[in-house]
Structure formats: structure tokens, C-alpha cells
Amino acid sequence: MAKRGAVLLLLVILCVYEYIRTDTPDQNPYLITDYSRLHPVKVDRVVKGKEEEQLVRLLQEAKEKHLTVSIAGQRHSQGGHTYYKDGIVIDMTDYNQVLSVDPDQRQIRVQAGATWEQVQKAVNPYHREDDAVAKYIYRWRLH
């Protein structure tokens, strides 16, 4: 039992150390990690996704140069496995428009960077009193 406690304590210390080490104001902008901060990875670059043509060009470049591509949104994943060493990270947070809402079909079309909050705000005006909120939102199809 003492060994298990010592291992757990060591793991906690390691996690706190990594968290502090990767949370500096002068952090290398190419050393990124997800919410857990367990596995920082040096990437080639981070690019803001803005429009479809730009994304197509970026993917073509990655294919030609044999680079891996990761897509990032709010960066809430917690496994440390979301980015590739020396790859390109496309930050989709600015590619976040609600494109259309069809209340009759209960369909909403959004760009890849749209947040759950944006989806909720877009469909809430169509909420009917007889629907429970969570049940209502899950009936919508996201495209």
C-alpha cells in the first residue's frame, strides 16, 4: 500500500511540475499542449483557420510536404495526444459561424470551430415550452 501511495504522490508531483513548466508567459509558441498539459509537443506552426480556400491550400501544402495536421478548437481534450510533433495545428476558433438554422427539420449547420454555446444560442429561439431543454437540443441534427 505504501508503494502505491508513493507512486501516486510522484505522479501528482510530475503533473504539477509539467503544468507549471508549460504555463510561463514566455512559453514557446510552437510548444503546445491540450487542457491536461501532460504531453507538450513542438509543432511546425499554428495557423488560424479563416476560410475554406485557405484551409484547402493548407491541406495541400501539408500533403506535398508530408506534414501531419491537427485541428484545434477550444483545446479541452485531456489525453495529450491531440497534436503531432513538427506538424501543423489549425486553430479553428475563428472558423465558427452558424451557417443556417432550419427549425422545421431541426437542423443546424455550423463551421468546424463553432462552440456548443453558439449552437445553443442559435436553436434556443425555437424552443417550445413542451420540450425539456436538453432533450430539445439533442433532437437537432448538427451538420
Foldseek 3Di string as FASTA:
>chain_A
DVVVVVVVVVVVVLQVVQVVVQPDPPHDQQFDWAPSSPATAREQEEAEDADDVVVVVVVVVCVVVVADEFEAEPRHDHDRPRDDHHHYYYYDLNQWAFDDADLVQLETETGPRHDPVNLLVVCVVVDDPVDDSVRSNVVHHYD
